[in-house]
Amino acid sequence: PDKARFYREAARVLRPGARFVAAEVASGPGGPVIFPVPWAMTAEISHLITAEETARLLEVAGFRIEAAEQSTEVALAHNAQARARLERDGPPVLSPTVILGERALERARNSARNLEQARILPIEFTCIRA
C-alpha cells in the first residue's frame, strides 16, 4: 500500500544513472474495479492509483521518467490468445489456481473485464535514477 516508500527504497539502493522499470496496474477512467481480481479479493486491500499519481511518486522518489508506455492493447491481445488456447487445448496442466486458489477463474475474468472497460490500465515506466 505504501508505493511512495517502495519507490524511495528502490531509488536509495540504485546508483545514479541506473535504470529502473516499474510495471504497474493503474486505476483507469472506466469506473471502480470489479472484484475479486488477481491482486486483491476486495477494494480494501487493493491499492491502485492513477498513472499520473504513479509518475509523481517516481519523480519525488528520485527517478527521471524516460518512458511511460500503456500496454492495454498488448494485454487485450494476450487475453484473447489465452482464451483461444483454452478453447483449443483445454485447461493447462499448471493453472492460475495454483497461486490464486479456487476463485482463480473468476479473478481472471474480472481482471479481463476491468481491462476491457478501462477500469484498469497496465503501464510500464522506464526510469533513470537521478
N, C-alpha and C. Protein backbone atom coordinates (compact mmCIF):
# COMPACT_ATOMS: atom_id res chain seq x y z
N PRO A 1 0.79 -1.22 0.00
CA PRO A 1 0.00 0.00 0.00
C PRO A 1 0.83 1.28 0.00
N ASP A 2 2.08 1.21 0.46
CA ASP A 2 2.92 2.41 0.54
C ASP A 2 3.85 2.48 -0.67
N LYS A 3 3.29 2.84 -1.79
CA LYS A 3 4.06 2.89 -3.03
C LYS A 3 5.18 3.93 -2.95
N ALA A 4 4.93 5.05 -2.31
CA ALA A 4 5.97 6.08 -2.18
C ALA A 4 7.20 5.51 -1.48
N ARG A 5 6.98 4.77 -0.42
CA ARG A 5 8.10 4.17 0.32
C ARG A 5 8.83 3.15 -0.55
N PHE A 6 8.08 2.34 -1.30
CA PHE A 6 8.70 1.35 -2.18
C PHE A 6 9.61 2.03 -3.20
N TYR A 7 9.11 3.07 -3.87
CA TYR A 7 9.91 3.77 -4.87
C TYR A 7 11.11 4.48 -4.25
N ARG A 8 10.93 5.06 -3.07
CA ARG A 8 12.07 5.70 -2.38
C ARG A 8 13.16 4.68 -2.07
N GLU A 9 12.75 3.51 -1.62
CA GLU A 9 13.73 2.47 -1.30
C GLU A 9 14.43 1.98 -2.56
N ALA A 10 13.69 1.83 -3.66
CA ALA A 10 14.31 1.43 -4.92
C ALA A 10 15.34 2.48 -5.33
N ALA A 11 14.99 3.74 -5.22
CA ALA A 11 15.93 4.81 -5.58
C ALA A 11 17.14 4.81 -4.65
N ARG A 12 16.92 4.53 -3.39
CA ARG A 12 18.02 4.53 -2.42
C ARG A 12 19.08 3.50 -2.75
N VAL A 13 18.67 2.31 -3.17
CA VAL A 13 19.63 1.22 -3.39
C VAL A 13 20.24 1.23 -4.79
N LEU A 14 19.72 2.04 -5.69
CA LEU A 14 20.27 2.11 -7.04
C LEU A 14 21.30 3.23 -7.15
N ARG A 15 22.33 2.99 -7.96
CA ARG A 15 23.32 4.03 -8.23
C ARG A 15 22.72 5.09 -9.15
N PRO A 16 23.17 6.33 -9.06
CA PRO A 16 22.73 7.34 -10.02
C PRO A 16 23.02 6.87 -11.44
N GLY A 17 22.05 7.04 -12.31
CA GLY A 17 22.17 6.61 -13.70
C GLY A 17 21.63 5.21 -13.94
N ALA A 18 21.33 4.48 -12.86
CA ALA A 18 20.80 3.12 -13.02
C ALA A 18 19.38 3.17 -13.59
N ARG A 19 19.03 2.14 -14.32
CA ARG A 19 17.70 2.03 -14.91
C ARG A 19 16.78 1.27 -13.96
N PHE A 20 15.54 1.72 -13.88
CA PHE A 20 14.51 1.08 -13.04
C PHE A 20 13.24 1.00 -13.88
N VAL A 21 12.63 -0.18 -13.94
CA VAL A 21 11.39 -0.35 -14.68
C VAL A 21 10.30 -0.77 -13.70
N ALA A 22 9.21 -0.03 -13.73
CA ALA A 22 8.07 -0.33 -12.87
C ALA A 22 6.89 -0.70 -13.77
N ALA A 23 6.47 -1.95 -13.70
CA ALA A 23 5.29 -2.40 -14.43
C ALA A 23 4.14 -2.37 -13.43
N GLU A 24 3.18 -1.50 -13.68
CA GLU A 24 2.10 -1.26 -12.73
C GLU A 24 0.74 -1.47 -13.37
N VAL A 25 -0.22 -1.77 -12.54
CA VAL A 25 -1.63 -1.71 -12.94
C VAL A 25 -2.16 -0.45 -12.29
N ALA A 26 -2.62 0.48 -13.11
CA ALA A 26 -3.12 1.76 -12.61
C ALA A 26 -4.64 1.76 -12.67
N SER A 27 -5.24 2.58 -11.84
CA SER A 27 -6.68 2.75 -11.93
C SER A 27 -6.98 3.56 -13.18
N GLY A 28 -8.05 3.17 -13.86
CA GLY A 28 -8.40 3.81 -15.11
C GLY A 28 -9.67 4.63 -15.00
N PRO A 29 -10.06 5.26 -16.11
CA PRO A 29 -11.23 6.14 -16.10
C PRO A 29 -12.57 5.41 -16.22
N GLY A 30 -12.54 4.09 -16.39
CA GLY A 30 -13.78 3.35 -16.68
C GLY A 30 -14.67 3.05 -15.50
N GLY A 31 -14.30 3.50 -14.32
CA GLY A 31 -15.12 3.24 -13.14
C GLY A 31 -14.39 2.39 -12.13
N PRO A 32 -15.07 2.08 -11.02
CA PRO A 32 -14.42 1.29 -9.97
C PRO A 32 -14.11 -0.13 -10.45
N VAL A 33 -13.05 -0.68 -9.90
CA VAL A 33 -12.61 -2.04 -10.24
C VAL A 33 -13.66 -3.04 -9.77
N ILE A 34 -13.88 -4.05 -10.60
CA ILE A 34 -14.77 -5.16 -10.26
C ILE A 34 -13.91 -6.21 -9.56
N PHE A 35 -14.29 -6.60 -8.36
CA PHE A 35 -13.55 -7.57 -7.55
C PHE A 35 -14.28 -8.89 -7.50
N PRO A 36 -13.55 -9.98 -7.22
CA PRO A 36 -12.13 -10.09 -6.94
C PRO A 36 -11.30 -10.07 -8.23
N VAL A 37 -10.02 -9.70 -8.08
CA VAL A 37 -9.05 -9.69 -9.16
C VAL A 37 -7.80 -10.42 -8.67
N PRO A 38 -6.85 -10.72 -9.55
CA PRO A 38 -5.68 -11.48 -9.11
C PRO A 38 -4.91 -10.86 -7.95
N TRP A 39 -4.88 -9.54 -7.84
CA TRP A 39 -4.07 -8.90 -6.79
C TRP A 39 -4.86 -8.60 -5.52
N ALA A 40 -6.18 -8.72 -5.55
CA ALA A 40 -6.96 -8.39 -4.35
C ALA A 40 -8.35 -8.99 -4.44
N MET A 41 -8.82 -9.48 -3.32
CA MET A 41 -10.18 -10.02 -3.27
C MET A 41 -11.22 -8.91 -3.09
N THR A 42 -10.82 -7.81 -2.42
CA THR A 42 -11.75 -6.71 -2.15
C THR A 42 -11.05 -5.37 -2.37
N ALA A 43 -11.85 -4.32 -2.46
CA ALA A 43 -11.31 -2.97 -2.65
C ALA A 43 -10.43 -2.55 -1.48
N GLU A 44 -10.72 -3.02 -0.29
CA GLU A 44 -9.98 -2.61 0.91
C GLU A 44 -8.51 -3.02 0.85
N ILE A 45 -8.18 -4.05 0.10
CA ILE A 45 -6.78 -4.48 0.03
C ILE A 45 -6.18 -4.24 -1.35
N SER A 46 -6.86 -3.48 -2.18
CA SER A 46 -6.33 -3.07 -3.47
C SER A 46 -5.85 -1.63 -3.34
N HIS A 47 -4.68 -1.38 -3.83
CA HIS A 47 -4.08 -0.06 -3.64
C HIS A 47 -3.71 0.58 -4.97
N LEU A 48 -4.62 0.53 -5.92
CA LEU A 48 -4.35 1.12 -7.22
C LEU A 48 -4.40 2.64 -7.14
N ILE A 49 -3.52 3.25 -7.91
CA ILE A 49 -3.53 4.69 -8.09
C ILE A 49 -3.45 4.96 -9.58
N THR A 50 -3.66 6.20 -9.99
CA THR A 50 -3.61 6.52 -11.41
C THR A 50 -2.17 6.50 -11.92
N ALA A 51 -2.04 6.44 -13.23
CA ALA A 51 -0.72 6.51 -13.85
C ALA A 51 -0.04 7.83 -13.52
N GLU A 52 -0.81 8.91 -13.48
CA GLU A 52 -0.26 10.22 -13.16
C GLU A 52 0.27 10.26 -11.72
N GLU A 53 -0.48 9.67 -10.80
CA GLU A 53 -0.02 9.62 -9.40
C GLU A 53 1.25 8.78 -9.29
N THR A 54 1.30 7.67 -10.04
CA THR A 54 2.49 6.82 -10.03
C THR A 54 3.70 7.60 -10.54
N ALA A 55 3.53 8.32 -11.64
CA ALA A 55 4.63 9.12 -12.20
C ALA A 55 5.13 10.14 -11.17
N ARG A 56 4.21 10.79 -10.49
CA ARG A 56 4.60 11.78 -9.49
C ARG A 56 5.40 11.13 -8.37
N LEU A 57 4.96 9.96 -7.90
CA LEU A 57 5.68 9.26 -6.83
C LEU A 57 7.07 8.85 -7.27
N LEU A 58 7.20 8.40 -8.50
CA LEU A 58 8.52 8.01 -9.02
C LEU A 58 9.45 9.22 -9.06
N GLU A 59 8.94 10.35 -9.53
CA GLU A 59 9.77 11.55 -9.62
C GLU A 59 10.17 12.06 -8.24
N VAL A 60 9.23 12.07 -7.31
CA VAL A 60 9.53 12.52 -5.94
C VAL A 60 10.57 11.60 -5.29
N ALA A 61 10.53 10.31 -5.64
CA ALA A 61 11.47 9.35 -5.07
C ALA A 61 12.89 9.53 -5.61
N GLY A 62 13.02 10.24 -6.73
CA GLY A 62 14.36 10.47 -7.27
C GLY A 62 14.60 9.85 -8.63
N PHE A 63 13.53 9.53 -9.35
CA PHE A 63 13.67 8.97 -10.68
C PHE A 63 13.30 10.00 -11.74
N ARG A 64 13.97 9.91 -12.87
CA ARG A 64 13.58 10.67 -14.06
C ARG A 64 12.91 9.68 -14.99
N ILE A 65 11.68 9.95 -15.36
CA ILE A 65 10.93 9.03 -16.21
C ILE A 65 11.39 9.22 -17.65
N GLU A 66 11.91 8.14 -18.19
CA GLU A 66 12.40 8.14 -19.56
C GLU A 66 11.27 7.80 -20.53
N ALA A 67 10.38 6.90 -20.11
CA ALA A 67 9.25 6.50 -20.95
C ALA A 67 8.13 5.96 -20.07
N ALA A 68 6.91 6.19 -20.52
CA ALA A 68 5.73 5.62 -19.86
C ALA A 68 4.89 5.03 -20.99
N GLU A 69 4.71 3.74 -20.95
CA GLU A 69 4.01 3.07 -22.04
C GLU A 69 2.81 2.29 -21.51
N GLN A 70 1.65 2.70 -21.96
CA GLN A 70 0.44 1.97 -21.59
C GLN A 70 0.35 0.75 -22.50
N SER A 71 0.12 -0.42 -21.91
CA SER A 71 0.15 -1.66 -22.68
C SER A 71 -1.21 -2.35 -22.72
N THR A 72 -2.28 -1.56 -22.76
CA THR A 72 -3.62 -2.13 -22.80
C THR A 72 -3.82 -3.03 -24.01
N GLU A 73 -3.41 -2.58 -25.19
CA GLU A 73 -3.62 -3.37 -26.41
C GLU A 73 -2.87 -4.70 -26.33
N VAL A 74 -1.66 -4.67 -25.80
CA VAL A 74 -0.89 -5.90 -25.65
C VAL A 74 -1.60 -6.86 -24.69
N ALA A 75 -2.10 -6.33 -23.59
CA ALA A 75 -2.80 -7.16 -22.60
C ALA A 75 -4.09 -7.73 -23.17
N LEU A 76 -4.84 -6.92 -23.93
CA LEU A 76 -6.07 -7.41 -24.55
C LEU A 76 -5.77 -8.52 -25.54
N ALA A 77 -4.71 -8.36 -26.34
CA ALA A 77 -4.32 -9.40 -27.30
C ALA A 77 -3.89 -10.68 -26.57
N HIS A 78 -3.15 -10.52 -25.49
CA HIS A 78 -2.74 -11.69 -24.69
C HIS A 78 -3.97 -12.42 -24.15
N ASN A 79 -4.95 -11.68 -23.62
CA ASN A 79 -6.17 -12.30 -23.10
C ASN A 79 -6.91 -13.07 -24.18
N ALA A 80 -7.00 -12.50 -25.38
CA ALA A 80 -7.68 -13.17 -26.50
C ALA A 80 -6.95 -14.45 -26.88
N GLN A 81 -5.63 -14.41 -26.92
CA GLN A 81 -4.84 -15.60 -27.24
C GLN A 81 -5.01 -16.68 -26.17
N ALA A 82 -5.04 -16.26 -24.91
CA ALA A 82 -5.21 -17.22 -23.81
C ALA A 82 -6.57 -17.89 -23.89
N ARG A 83 -7.63 -17.10 -24.20
CA ARG A 83 -8.97 -17.70 -24.33
C ARG A 83 -9.01 -18.69 -25.49
N ALA A 84 -8.40 -18.34 -26.61
CA ALA A 84 -8.37 -19.24 -27.78
C ALA A 84 -7.61 -20.52 -27.46
N ARG A 85 -6.49 -20.39 -26.76
CA ARG A 85 -5.69 -21.56 -26.38
C ARG A 85 -6.48 -22.46 -25.43
N LEU A 86 -7.20 -21.86 -24.50
CA LEU A 86 -8.02 -22.63 -23.56
C LEU A 86 -9.12 -23.40 -24.29
N GLU A 87 -9.78 -22.73 -25.25
CA GLU A 87 -10.82 -23.40 -26.02
C GLU A 87 -10.25 -24.52 -26.88
N ARG A 88 -9.07 -24.28 -27.45
CA ARG A 88 -8.45 -25.26 -28.34
C ARG A 88 -7.85 -26.44 -27.58
N ASP A 89 -7.11 -26.15 -26.50
CA ASP A 89 -6.32 -27.18 -25.82
C ASP A 89 -6.87 -27.61 -24.47
N GLY A 90 -7.87 -26.90 -23.96
CA GLY A 90 -8.36 -27.20 -22.62
C GLY A 90 -7.47 -26.54 -21.58
N PRO A 91 -7.79 -26.75 -20.31
CA PRO A 91 -7.02 -26.08 -19.26
C PRO A 91 -5.58 -26.57 -19.21
N PRO A 92 -4.65 -25.68 -18.88
CA PRO A 92 -3.25 -26.07 -18.79
C PRO A 92 -3.00 -26.95 -17.57
N VAL A 93 -1.89 -27.69 -17.62
CA VAL A 93 -1.53 -28.55 -16.50
C VAL A 93 -1.30 -27.69 -15.25
N LEU A 94 -0.53 -26.63 -15.42
CA LEU A 94 -0.33 -25.68 -14.32
C LEU A 94 -1.21 -24.48 -14.60
N SER A 95 -2.17 -24.26 -13.76
CA SER A 95 -3.11 -23.16 -13.99
C SER A 95 -2.97 -22.12 -12.88
N PRO A 96 -3.59 -20.95 -13.06
CA PRO A 96 -3.55 -19.92 -12.02
C PRO A 96 -4.14 -20.37 -10.69
N THR A 97 -4.91 -21.45 -10.68
CA THR A 97 -5.48 -21.90 -9.41
C THR A 97 -4.39 -22.30 -8.41
N VAL A 98 -3.21 -22.64 -8.91
CA VAL A 98 -2.10 -22.99 -8.02
C VAL A 98 -1.78 -21.82 -7.10
N ILE A 99 -1.82 -20.61 -7.64
CA ILE A 99 -1.48 -19.41 -6.87
C ILE A 99 -2.73 -18.70 -6.36
N LEU A 100 -3.75 -18.60 -7.22
CA LEU A 100 -4.91 -17.78 -6.90
C LEU A 100 -6.04 -18.52 -6.20
N GLY A 101 -5.94 -19.82 -6.11
CA GLY A 101 -6.96 -20.59 -5.40
C GLY A 101 -8.17 -20.90 -6.24
N GLU A 102 -9.21 -21.37 -5.56
CA GLU A 102 -10.40 -21.87 -6.26
C GLU A 102 -11.17 -20.79 -7.02
N ARG A 103 -10.96 -19.53 -6.68
CA ARG A 103 -11.67 -18.44 -7.39
C ARG A 103 -10.81 -17.83 -8.49
N ALA A 104 -9.80 -18.57 -8.93
CA ALA A 104 -8.85 -18.06 -9.93
C ALA A 104 -9.56 -17.66 -11.23
N LEU A 105 -10.47 -18.47 -11.71
CA LEU A 105 -11.14 -18.16 -12.97
C LEU A 105 -11.97 -16.88 -12.85
N GLU A 106 -12.69 -16.73 -11.76
CA GLU A 106 -13.48 -15.52 -11.53
C GLU A 106 -12.56 -14.30 -11.46
N ARG A 107 -11.45 -14.43 -10.77
CA ARG A 107 -10.50 -13.33 -10.64
C ARG A 107 -9.90 -12.95 -11.99
N ALA A 108 -9.56 -13.95 -12.80
CA ALA A 108 -9.01 -13.69 -14.14
C ALA A 108 -10.05 -13.04 -15.05
N ARG A 109 -11.29 -13.53 -14.98
CA ARG A 109 -12.35 -12.93 -15.80
C ARG A 109 -12.62 -11.48 -15.40
N ASN A 110 -12.63 -11.21 -14.12
CA ASN A 110 -12.83 -9.84 -13.66
C ASN A 110 -11.68 -8.94 -14.10
N SER A 111 -10.47 -9.46 -14.05
CA SER A 111 -9.32 -8.68 -14.49
C SER A 111 -9.46 -8.33 -15.97
N ALA A 112 -9.84 -9.31 -16.78
CA ALA A 112 -10.03 -9.07 -18.22
C ALA A 112 -11.16 -8.06 -18.45
N ARG A 113 -12.23 -8.19 -17.72
CA ARG A 113 -13.36 -7.26 -17.85
C ARG A 113 -12.95 -5.84 -17.44
N ASN A 114 -12.20 -5.72 -16.36
CA ASN A 114 -11.70 -4.42 -15.92
C ASN A 114 -10.82 -3.78 -16.99
N LEU A 115 -9.99 -4.59 -17.61
CA LEU A 115 -9.12 -4.11 -18.67
C LEU A 115 -9.94 -3.66 -19.88
N GLU A 116 -10.88 -4.48 -20.29
CA GLU A 116 -11.73 -4.15 -21.45
C GLU A 116 -12.54 -2.89 -21.22
N GLN A 117 -12.94 -2.62 -19.99
CA GLN A 117 -13.76 -1.45 -19.67
C GLN A 117 -12.93 -0.26 -19.18
N ALA A 118 -11.63 -0.35 -19.31
CA ALA A 118 -10.70 0.72 -18.90
C ALA A 118 -10.83 1.07 -17.43
N ARG A 119 -11.21 0.11 -16.62
CA ARG A 119 -11.22 0.31 -15.17
C ARG A 119 -9.80 0.21 -14.62
N ILE A 120 -8.97 -0.55 -15.34
CA ILE A 120 -7.54 -0.67 -15.02
C ILE A 120 -6.74 -0.39 -16.29
N LEU A 121 -5.53 0.08 -16.10
CA LEU A 121 -4.63 0.37 -17.22
C LEU A 121 -3.25 -0.19 -16.89
N PRO A 122 -2.78 -1.18 -17.65
CA PRO A 122 -1.41 -1.64 -17.43
C PRO A 122 -0.44 -0.61 -18.00
N ILE A 123 0.55 -0.25 -17.24
CA ILE A 123 1.50 0.77 -17.69
C ILE A 123 2.90 0.41 -17.21
N GLU A 124 3.87 0.70 -18.05
CA GLU A 124 5.27 0.43 -17.73
C GLU A 124 6.04 1.74 -17.75
N PHE A 125 6.71 2.02 -16.66
CA PHE A 125 7.56 3.21 -16.55
C PHE A 125 9.01 2.77 -16.63
N THR A 126 9.75 3.36 -17.54
CA THR A 126 11.19 3.16 -17.60
C THR A 126 11.81 4.43 -17.04
N CYS A 127 12.59 4.26 -15.99
CA CYS A 127 13.12 5.41 -15.25
C CYS A 127 14.64 5.32 -15.13
N ILE A 128 15.23 6.47 -14.89
CA ILE A 128 16.65 6.57 -14.60
C ILE A 128 16.80 7.17 -13.21
N ARG A 129 17.63 6.54 -12.39
CA ARG A 129 17.90 7.08 -11.04
C ARG A 129 18.68 8.36 -11.19
N ALA A 130 18.11 9.45 -10.72
CA ALA A 130 18.76 10.77 -10.85
C ALA A 130 20.02 10.84 -10.02
